[in-house]
PDB file of N, CA and C in Angstrom:
ATOM      1  N   MET A   1     -20.113  -6.223  -6.829  1.00  0.00           N
ATOM      2  CA  MET A   1     -19.483  -6.025  -8.281  1.00  0.00           C
ATOM      3  C   MET A   1     -18.884  -7.369  -8.518  1.00  0.00           C
ATOM      4  N   ARG A   2     -19.206  -7.778  -9.799  1.00  0.00           N
ATOM      5  CA  ARG A   2     -18.551  -9.108 -10.151  1.00  0.00           C
ATOM      6  C   ARG A   2     -16.877  -8.996 -10.238  1.00  0.00           C
ATOM      7  N   SER A   3     -16.265  -9.995  -9.933  1.00  0.00           N
ATOM      8  CA  SER A   3     -14.811 -10.075  -9.767  1.00  0.00           C
ATOM      9  C   SER A   3     -14.227  -9.618 -11.268  1.00  0.00           C
ATOM     10  N   ASP A   4     -14.790  -9.939 -12.242  1.00  0.00           N
ATOM     11  CA  ASP A   4     -14.209  -9.627 -13.571  1.00  0.00           C
ATOM     12  C   ASP A   4     -14.462  -8.290 -14.077  1.00  0.00           C
ATOM     13  N   LYS A   5     -15.251  -7.578 -13.275  1.00  0.00           N
ATOM     14  CA  LYS A   5     -15.401  -6.006 -13.471  1.00  0.00           C
ATOM     15  C   LYS A   5     -14.708  -5.164 -12.431  1.00  0.00           C
ATOM     16  N   ARG A   6     -14.064  -5.790 -11.435  1.00  0.00           N
ATOM     17  CA  ARG A   6     -13.439  -4.960 -10.421  1.00  0.00           C
ATOM     18  C   ARG A   6     -12.086  -4.598 -10.908  1.00  0.00           C
ATOM     19  N   PHE A   7     -11.599  -3.400 -10.441  1.00  0.00           N
ATOM     20  CA  PHE A   7     -10.218  -2.724 -10.759  1.00  0.00           C
ATOM     21  C   PHE A   7      -9.368  -3.334  -9.687  1.00  0.00           C
ATOM     22  N   LEU A   8      -8.051  -3.665 -10.239  1.00  0.00           N
ATOM     23  CA  LEU A   8      -7.211  -4.140  -9.309  1.00  0.00           C
ATOM     24  C   LEU A   8      -6.540  -3.108  -8.363  1.00  0.00           C
ATOM     25  N   VAL A   9      -6.548  -1.902  -8.779  1.00  0.00           N
ATOM     26  CA  VAL A   9      -5.936  -0.825  -7.991  1.00  0.00           C
ATOM     27  C   VAL A   9      -7.041   0.364  -8.153  1.00  0.00           C
ATOM     28  N   VAL A  10      -7.568   0.798  -7.190  1.00  0.00           N
ATOM     29  CA  VAL A  10      -8.491   1.912  -7.198  1.00  0.00           C
ATOM     30  C   VAL A  10      -8.227   3.250  -6.552  1.00  0.00           C
ATOM     31  N   ASN A  11      -8.985   4.196  -6.893  1.00  0.00           N
ATOM     32  CA  ASN A  11      -8.624   5.457  -6.173  1.00  0.00           C
ATOM     33  C   ASN A  11      -9.592   5.657  -4.699  1.00  0.00           C
ATOM     34  N   ASN A  12      -9.543   6.706  -4.129  1.00  0.00           N
ATOM     35  CA  ASN A  12     -10.459   6.680  -2.990  1.00  0.00           C
ATOM     36  C   ASN A  12     -11.913   6.516  -3.185  1.00  0.00           C
ATOM     37  N   ALA A  13     -12.342   6.827  -4.404  1.00  0.00           N
ATOM     38  CA  ALA A  13     -13.595   6.784  -4.687  1.00  0.00           C
ATOM     39  C   ALA A  13     -14.142   5.378  -5.145  1.00  0.00           C
ATOM     40  N   SER A  14     -12.996   4.291  -5.241  1.00  0.00           N
ATOM     41  CA  SER A  14     -13.431   2.981  -5.626  1.00  0.00           C
ATOM     42  C   SER A  14     -13.408   2.830  -7.069  1.00  0.00           C
ATOM     43  N   GLY A  15     -13.163   4.035  -7.673  1.00  0.00           N
ATOM     44  CA  GLY A  15     -13.009   3.929  -9.380  1.00  0.00           C
ATOM     45  C   GLY A  15     -11.756   3.568  -9.699  1.00  0.00           C
ATOM     46  N   PRO A  16     -11.522   3.387 -11.100  1.00  0.00           N
ATOM     47  CA  PRO A  16     -10.192   3.051 -11.666  1.00  0.00           C
ATOM     48  C   PRO A  16      -9.140   4.218 -11.412  1.00  0.00           C
ATOM     49  N   LEU A  17      -7.918   3.847 -11.018  1.00  0.00           N
ATOM     50  CA  LEU A  17      -7.020   4.761 -10.919  1.00  0.00           C
ATOM     51  C   LEU A  17      -6.433   5.291 -12.108  1.00  0.00           C
ATOM     52  N   THR A  18      -6.342   6.568 -12.370  1.00  0.00           N
ATOM     53  CA  THR A  18      -6.028   7.241 -13.626  1.00  0.00           C
ATOM     54  C   THR A  18      -4.513   7.051 -13.890  1.00  0.00           C
ATOM     55  N   ALA A  19      -3.960   7.413 -15.090  1.00  0.00           N
ATOM     56  CA  ALA A  19      -2.664   7.500 -15.308  1.00  0.00           C
ATOM     57  C   ALA A  19      -1.911   8.468 -14.404  1.00  0.00           C
ATOM     58  N   SER A  20      -2.448   9.616 -14.271  1.00  0.00           N
ATOM     59  CA  SER A  20      -1.767  10.622 -13.441  1.00  0.00           C
ATOM     60  C   SER A  20      -1.791  10.111 -11.947  1.00  0.00           C
ATOM     61  N   GLY A  21      -2.990   9.569 -11.686  1.00  0.00           N
ATOM     62  CA  GLY A  21      -2.954   8.874 -10.161  1.00  0.00           C
ATOM     63  C   GLY A  21      -1.789   7.881 -10.024  1.00  0.00           C
ATOM     64  N   TRP A  22      -1.387   6.975 -11.156  1.00  0.00           N
ATOM     65  CA  TRP A  22      -0.341   6.058 -10.972  1.00  0.00           C
ATOM     66  C   TRP A  22       0.920   6.893 -10.750  1.00  0.00           C
ATOM     67  N   GLN A  23       1.036   7.717 -11.617  1.00  0.00           N
ATOM     68  CA  GLN A  23       2.392   8.559 -11.662  1.00  0.00           C
ATOM     69  C   GLN A  23       2.524   9.415 -10.238  1.00  0.00           C
ATOM     70  N   SER A  24       1.534   9.663  -9.513  1.00  0.00           N
ATOM     71  CA  SER A  24       1.480  10.255  -8.324  1.00  0.00           C
ATOM     72  C   SER A  24       1.814   9.199  -7.230  1.00  0.00           C
ATOM     73  N   ILE A  25       1.111   8.217  -7.174  1.00  0.00           N
ATOM     74  CA  ILE A  25       1.267   7.228  -6.189  1.00  0.00           C
ATOM     75  C   ILE A  25       2.554   6.311  -6.085  1.00  0.00           C
ATOM     76  N   PHE A  26       2.963   6.075  -7.393  1.00  0.00           N
ATOM     77  CA  PHE A  26       3.797   4.952  -7.342  1.00  0.00           C
ATOM     78  C   PHE A  26       5.313   5.396  -6.831  1.00  0.00           C
ATOM     79  N   PRO A  27       5.836   6.755  -6.730  1.00  0.00           N
ATOM     80  CA  PRO A  27       7.102   6.859  -6.212  1.00  0.00           C
ATOM     81  C   PRO A  27       6.937   6.828  -4.583  1.00  0.00           C
ATOM     82  N   ASN A  28       5.706   7.187  -4.057  1.00  0.00           N
ATOM     83  CA  ASN A  28       5.256   7.212  -2.691  1.00  0.00           C
ATOM     84  C   ASN A  28       5.388   5.733  -2.240  1.00  0.00           C
ATOM     85  N   PHE A  29       4.538   4.888  -3.081  1.00  0.00           N
ATOM     86  CA  PHE A  29       4.856   3.620  -2.872  1.00  0.00           C
ATOM     87  C   PHE A  29       6.228   2.923  -2.508  1.00  0.00           C
ATOM     88  N   GLN A  30       7.083   3.274  -3.597  1.00  0.00           N
ATOM     89  CA  GLN A  30       8.526   2.631  -3.327  1.00  0.00           C
ATOM     90  C   GLN A  30       9.207   3.340  -2.172  1.00  0.00           C
ATOM     91  N   ASN A  31       8.869   4.685  -1.953  1.00  0.00           N
ATOM     92  CA  ASN A  31       9.465   5.468  -0.743  1.00  0.00           C
ATOM     93  C   ASN A  31       9.126   4.774   0.493  1.00  0.00           C
ATOM     94  N   ASN A  32       7.743   4.421   0.565  1.00  0.00           N
ATOM     95  CA  ASN A  32       7.322   3.735   1.786  1.00  0.00           C
ATOM     96  C   ASN A  32       7.939   2.321   2.013  1.00  0.00           C
ATOM     97  N   ALA A  33       8.006   1.687   0.913  1.00  0.00           N
ATOM     98  CA  ALA A  33       8.666   0.237   0.905  1.00  0.00           C
ATOM     99  C   ALA A  33      10.158   0.367   1.364  1.00  0.00           C
ATOM    100  N   ILE A  34      10.826   1.419   0.856  1.00  0.00           N
ATOM    101  CA  ILE A  34      12.196   1.610   1.337  1.00  0.00           C
ATOM    102  C   ILE A  34      12.222   1.842   2.825  1.00  0.00           C
ATOM    103  N   GLU A  35      11.564   2.864   3.455  1.00  0.00           N
ATOM    104  CA  GLU A  35      11.401   3.224   4.652  1.00  0.00           C
ATOM    105  C   GLU A  35      11.000   2.051   5.640  1.00  0.00           C
ATOM    106  N   GLU A  36      10.125   0.995   5.140  1.00  0.00           N
ATOM    107  CA  GLU A  36       9.724   0.022   5.958  1.00  0.00           C
ATOM    108  C   GLU A  36      10.762  -1.336   5.960  1.00  0.00           C
ATOM    109  N   GLY A  37      11.767  -0.827   5.126  1.00  0.00           N
ATOM    110  CA  GLY A  37      12.793  -2.083   4.880  1.00  0.00           C
ATOM    111  C   GLY A  37      12.404  -3.306   3.985  1.00  0.00           C
ATOM    112  N   LEU A  38      11.428  -2.945   3.144  1.00  0.00           N
ATOM    113  CA  LEU A  38      10.817  -4.009   2.272  1.00  0.00           C
ATOM    114  C   LEU A  38      11.580  -4.333   0.981  1.00  0.00           C
ATOM    115  N   MET A  39      12.374  -3.110   0.662  1.00  0.00           N
ATOM    116  CA  MET A  39      13.167  -2.985  -0.690  1.00  0.00           C
ATOM    117  C   MET A  39      14.361  -2.008  -0.265  1.00  0.00           C
ATOM    118  N   THR A  40      15.318  -1.956  -0.990  1.00  0.00           N
ATOM    119  CA  THR A  40      16.288  -0.931  -0.852  1.00  0.00           C
ATOM    120  C   THR A  40      16.378  -0.008  -2.061  1.00  0.00           C
ATOM    121  N   GLU A  41      16.959   1.058  -1.878  1.00  0.00           N
ATOM    122  CA  GLU A  41      17.038   2.037  -3.132  1.00  0.00           C
ATOM    123  C   GLU A  41      17.611   1.664  -4.275  1.00  0.00           C
ATOM    124  N   GLU A  42      18.344   0.570  -4.178  1.00  0.00           N
ATOM    125  CA  GLU A  42      18.909  -0.241  -5.459  1.00  0.00           C
ATOM    126  C   GLU A  42      17.750  -1.124  -6.162  1.00  0.00           C
ATOM    127  N   ASP A  43      16.747  -1.211  -5.280  1.00  0.00           N
ATOM    128  CA  ASP A  43      15.716  -2.069  -5.988  1.00  0.00           C
ATOM    129  C   ASP A  43      14.551  -1.394  -6.787  1.00  0.00           C
ATOM    130  N   ARG A  44      14.773   0.005  -6.668  1.00  0.00           N
ATOM    131  CA  ARG A  44      13.600   0.679  -7.254  1.00  0.00           C
ATOM    132  C   ARG A  44      13.513   0.207  -8.754  1.00  0.00           C
ATOM    133  N   PHE A  45      12.154   0.388  -9.232  1.00  0.00           N
ATOM    134  CA  PHE A  45      11.991  -0.113 -10.633  1.00  0.00           C
ATOM    135  C   PHE A  45      10.734   0.922 -11.182  1.00  0.00           C
ATOM    136  N   GLY A  46      10.609   0.845 -12.483  1.00  0.00           N
ATOM    137  CA  GLY A  46       9.562   1.750 -13.087  1.00  0.00           C
ATOM    138  C   GLY A  46       8.328   0.919 -13.314  1.00  0.00           C
ATOM    139  N   LEU A  47       7.171   1.506 -13.671  1.00  0.00           N
ATOM    140  CA  LEU A  47       6.040   0.776 -13.849  1.00  0.00           C
ATOM    141  C   LEU A  47       6.109   0.004 -15.031  1.00  0.00           C
ATOM    142  N   HIS A  48       6.907   0.414 -15.881  1.00  0.00           N
ATOM    143  CA  HIS A  48       6.951  -0.424 -17.296  1.00  0.00           C
ATOM    144  C   HIS A  48       7.657  -1.778 -16.936  1.00  0.00           C
ATOM    145  N   ASP A  49       8.480  -1.772 -16.005  1.00  0.00           N
ATOM    146  CA  ASP A  49       9.274  -2.899 -15.479  1.00  0.00           C
ATOM    147  C   ASP A  49       8.241  -4.095 -15.032  1.00  0.00           C
ATOM    148  N   ILE A  50       7.076  -3.653 -14.477  1.00  0.00           N
ATOM    149  CA  ILE A  50       6.078  -4.705 -14.067  1.00  0.00           C
ATOM    150  C   ILE A  50       5.798  -5.536 -15.082  1.00  0.00           C
ATOM    151  N   LYS A  51       5.294  -5.024 -16.506  1.00  0.00           N
ATOM    152  CA  LYS A  51       5.026  -5.708 -17.531  1.00  0.00           C
ATOM    153  C   LYS A  51       6.026  -6.648 -18.025  1.00  0.00           C
ATOM    154  N   ARG A  52       7.329  -6.049 -18.134  1.00  0.00           N
ATOM    155  CA  ARG A  52       8.552  -6.919 -18.532  1.00  0.00           C
ATOM    156  C   ARG A  52       8.625  -8.094 -17.681  1.00  0.00           C
ATOM    157  N   ARG A  53       8.539  -7.750 -16.219  1.00  0.00           N
ATOM    158  CA  ARG A  53       8.675  -8.995 -15.453  1.00  0.00           C
ATOM    159  C   ARG A  53       7.578  -9.973 -15.507  1.00  0.00           C
ATOM    160  N   GLY A  54       6.339  -9.625 -15.658  1.00  0.00           N
ATOM    161  CA  GLY A  54       5.193 -10.410 -15.876  1.00  0.00           C
ATOM    162  C   GLY A  54       5.431 -11.339 -17.091  1.00  0.00           C
ATOM    163  N   THR A  55       5.757 -10.644 -18.206  1.00  0.00           N
ATOM    164  CA  THR A  55       6.148 -11.436 -19.397  1.00  0.00           C
ATOM    165  C   THR A  55       7.175 -12.508 -19.248  1.00  0.00           C
ATOM    166  N   THR A  56       8.157 -11.981 -18.612  1.00  0.00           N
ATOM    167  CA  THR A  56       9.421 -13.033 -18.369  1.00  0.00           C
ATOM    168  C   THR A  56       8.921 -14.296 -17.529  1.00  0.00           C
ATOM    169  N   ASP A  57       8.191 -13.920 -16.624  1.00  0.00           N
ATOM    170  CA  ASP A  57       7.845 -14.963 -15.555  1.00  0.00           C
ATOM    171  C   ASP A  57       6.693 -15.910 -15.915  1.00  0.00           C
ATOM    172  N   THR A  58       5.979 -15.504 -16.880  1.00  0.00           N
ATOM    173  CA  THR A  58       4.995 -16.103 -17.302  1.00  0.00           C
ATOM    174  C   THR A  58       5.370 -17.605 -17.809  1.00  0.00           C
ATOM    175  N   GLN A  59       4.927 -18.786 -17.451  1.00  0.00           N
ATOM    176  CA  GLN A  59       5.321 -20.125 -17.834  1.00  0.00           C
ATOM    177  C   GLN A  59       4.502 -20.484 -18.943  1.00  0.00           C
ATOM    178  N   GLY A  60       5.154 -21.354 -20.007  1.00  0.00           N
ATOM    179  CA  GLY A  60       4.492 -21.834 -20.945  1.00  0.00           C
ATOM    180  C   GLY A  60       5.160 -21.467 -22.378  1.00  0.00           C
ATOM    181  N   THR A  61       4.478 -21.495 -23.343  1.00  0.00           N
ATOM    182  CA  THR A  61       4.817 -21.316 -24.784  1.00  0.00           C
ATOM    183  C   THR A  61       4.726 -19.852 -24.987  1.00  0.00           C
ATOM    184  N   ALA A  62       5.224 -19.532 -26.298  1.00  0.00           N
ATOM    185  CA  ALA A  62       4.939 -18.258 -26.618  1.00  0.00           C
ATOM    186  C   ALA A  62       3.436 -17.735 -26.792  1.00  0.00           C
ATOM    187  N   GLU A  63       2.650 -18.731 -27.320  1.00  0.00           N
ATOM    188  CA  GLU A  63       1.325 -18.552 -27.356  1.00  0.00           C
ATOM    189  C   GLU A  63       0.671 -18.274 -26.007  1.00  0.00           C
ATOM    190  N   ASP A  64       1.160 -19.008 -25.009  1.00  0.00           N
ATOM    191  CA  ASP A  64       0.696 -18.803 -23.751  1.00  0.00           C
ATOM    192  C   ASP A  64       1.060 -17.417 -23.178  1.00  0.00           C
ATOM    193  N   LYS A  65       2.265 -17.085 -23.418  1.00  0.00           N
ATOM    194  CA  LYS A  65       2.731 -15.611 -22.862  1.00  0.00           C
ATOM    195  C   LYS A  65       1.942 -14.635 -23.678  1.00  0.00           C
ATOM    196  N   LEU A  66       1.685 -14.744 -25.038  1.00  0.00           N
ATOM    197  CA  LEU A  66       0.783 -13.687 -25.696  1.00  0.00           C
ATOM    198  C   LEU A  66      -0.554 -13.767 -25.184  1.00  0.00           C
ATOM    199  N   ALA A  67      -1.286 -14.916 -24.819  1.00  0.00           N
ATOM    200  CA  ALA A  67      -2.504 -14.651 -24.217  1.00  0.00           C
ATOM    201  C   ALA A  67      -2.458 -14.001 -22.898  1.00  0.00           C
ATOM    202  N   ALA A  68      -1.383 -14.344 -22.067  1.00  0.00           N
ATOM    203  CA  ALA A  68      -1.483 -13.871 -20.642  1.00  0.00           C
ATOM    204  C   ALA A  68      -1.108 -12.182 -20.479  1.00  0.00           C
ATOM    205  N   THR A  69      -0.268 -11.888 -21.578  1.00  0.00           N
ATOM    206  CA  THR A  69       0.250 -10.568 -21.385  1.00  0.00           C
ATOM    207  C   THR A  69      -0.612  -9.541 -22.382  1.00  0.00           C
ATOM    208  N   GLY A  70      -1.379 -10.143 -23.294  1.00  0.00           N
ATOM    209  CA  GLY A  70      -2.123  -9.314 -24.065  1.00  0.00           C
ATOM    210  C   GLY A  70      -1.314  -8.642 -25.332  1.00  0.00           C
ATOM    211  N   HIS A  71      -0.013  -9.085 -25.509  1.00  0.00           N
ATOM    212  CA  HIS A  71       0.821  -8.530 -26.760  1.00  0.00           C
ATOM    213  C   HIS A  71       0.080  -9.181 -28.083  1.00  0.00           C
ATOM    214  N   LYS A  72       0.268  -8.415 -28.903  1.00  0.00           N
ATOM    215  CA  LYS A  72      -0.302  -8.770 -30.284  1.00  0.00           C
ATOM    216  C   LYS A  72       0.722  -9.543 -31.173  1.00  0.00           C
ATOM    217  N   SER A  73       1.882  -9.556 -30.984  1.00  0.00           N
ATOM    218  CA  SER A  73       2.929 -10.277 -31.745  1.00  0.00           C
ATOM    219  C   SER A  73       3.968 -10.761 -30.974  1.00  0.00           C
ATOM    220  N   ARG A  74       4.774 -11.693 -31.623  1.00  0.00           N
ATOM    221  CA  ARG A  74       5.926 -12.514 -30.961  1.00  0.00           C
ATOM    222  C   ARG A  74       7.115 -11.498 -30.858  1.00  0.00           C
ATOM    223  N   ARG A  75       7.035 -10.355 -31.832  1.00  0.00           N
ATOM    224  CA  ARG A  75       8.083  -9.394 -31.525  1.00  0.00           C
ATOM    225  C   ARG A  75       7.980  -8.489 -30.352  1.00  0.00           C
ATOM    226  N   MET A  76       6.814  -8.427 -29.785  1.00  0.00           N
ATOM    227  CA  MET A  76       6.653  -7.768 -28.501  1.00  0.00           C
ATOM    228  C   MET A  76       7.192  -8.667 -27.359  1.00  0.00           C
ATOM    229  N   LEU A  77       6.907  -9.943 -27.651  1.00  0.00           N
ATOM    230  CA  LEU A  77       7.493 -10.914 -26.526  1.00  0.00           C
ATOM    231  C   LEU A  77       8.930 -10.771 -26.455  1.00  0.00           C
ATOM    232  N   GLU A  78       9.591 -10.652 -27.637  1.00  0.00           N
ATOM    233  CA  GLU A  78      11.092 -10.467 -27.733  1.00  0.00           C
ATOM    234  C   GLU A  78      11.658  -9.127 -26.920  1.00  0.00           C
ATOM    235  N   ILE A  79      10.687  -8.211 -27.025  1.00  0.00           N
ATOM    236  CA  ILE A  79      11.260  -6.854 -26.429  1.00  0.00           C
ATOM    237  C   ILE A  79      10.869  -6.959 -24.985  1.00  0.00           C
ATOM    238  N   TYR A  80       9.752  -7.482 -24.429  1.00  0.00           N
ATOM    239  CA  TYR A  80       9.417  -7.592 -23.103  1.00  0.00           C
ATOM    240  C   TYR A  80      10.028  -8.860 -22.268  1.00  0.00           C
ATOM    241  N   GLY A  81      10.109  -9.898 -22.960  1.00  0.00           N
ATOM    242  CA  GLY A  81      10.494 -11.130 -22.478  1.00  0.00           C
ATOM    243  C   GLY A  81      12.122 -11.134 -22.258  1.00  0.00           C
ATOM    244  N   LYS A  82      12.537 -10.985 -21.021  1.00  0.00           N
ATOM    245  CA  LYS A  82      13.990 -10.999 -20.723  1.00  0.00           C
ATOM    246  C   LYS A  82      14.539 -12.250 -19.990  1.00  0.00           C
ATOM    247  N   SER A  83      14.022 -13.262 -20.401  1.00  0.00           N
ATOM    248  CA  SER A  83      14.516 -14.519 -19.729  1.00  0.00           C
ATOM    249  C   SER A  83      16.097 -14.634 -19.879  1.00  0.00           C
ATOM    250  N   ILE A  84      16.784 -15.069 -18.868  1.00  0.00           N
ATOM    251  CA  ILE A  84      18.296 -15.437 -19.068  1.00  0.00           C
ATOM    252  C   ILE A  84      18.332 -16.622 -19.876  1.00  0.00           C
ATOM    253  N   ALA A  85      19.028 -16.864 -20.722  1.00  0.00           N
ATOM    254  CA  ALA A  85      19.241 -17.981 -21.461  1.00  0.00           C
ATOM    255  C   ALA A  85      20.242 -18.931 -20.747  1.00  0.00           C
ATOM    256  N   GLY A  86      19.935 -20.165 -20.554  1.00  0.00           N
ATOM    257  CA  GLY A  86      20.644 -21.340 -20.021  1.00  0.00           C
ATOM    258  C   GLY A  86      21.893 -21.481 -20.631  1.00  0.00           C
ATOM    259  N   VAL A  87      23.117 -21.353 -20.055  1.00  0.00           N
ATOM    260  CA  VAL A  87      24.250 -21.680 -20.885  1.00  0.00           C
ATOM    261  C   VAL A  87      25.166 -22.796 -19.967  1.00  0.00           C
ATOM    262  N   ARG A  88      25.601 -23.724 -20.838  1.00  0.00           N
ATOM    263  CA  ARG A  88      26.491 -24.748 -20.209  1.00  0.00           C
ATOM    264  C   ARG A  88      27.721 -24.293 -19.598  1.00  0.00           C
ATOM    265  N   ALA A  89      28.124 -24.730 -18.431  1.00  0.00           N
ATOM    266  CA  ALA A  89      29.422 -24.340 -17.967  1.00  0.00           C
ATOM    267  C   ALA A  89      30.499 -25.104 -18.863  1.00  0.00           C
ATOM    268  N   PRO A  90      31.712 -24.516 -19.101  1.00  0.00           N
ATOM    269  CA  PRO A  90      32.815 -25.059 -19.805  1.00  0.00           C
ATOM    270  C   PRO A  90      33.304 -26.208 -18.972  1.00  0.00           C
ATOM    271  N   LYS A  91      33.824 -27.137 -19.838  1.00  0.00           N
ATOM    272  CA  LYS A  91      34.529 -28.364 -19.103  1.00  0.00           C
ATOM    273  C   LYS A  91      36.036 -28.078 -18.929  1.00  0.00           C
TER     274      LYS A  91
END
């Protein structure tokens, strides 16, 4: 299968993982990561946080972020992009 046609995460039959499948495996994924010491209970995050983090971490201009994330408007970037503004220390 061509790489552009492959799914990033698949089910046991190598097909696309359904929404209900995501909802089922995601808590197990985090529980296993906690048990293995890869993350702590305080590090838990939701599926929606992945898109927010990807938007925030994408380098470049607003247009670059729109292209990378698939958002349709700059307003969505404002909602999902949560970069911490740089602030100068007081003198």
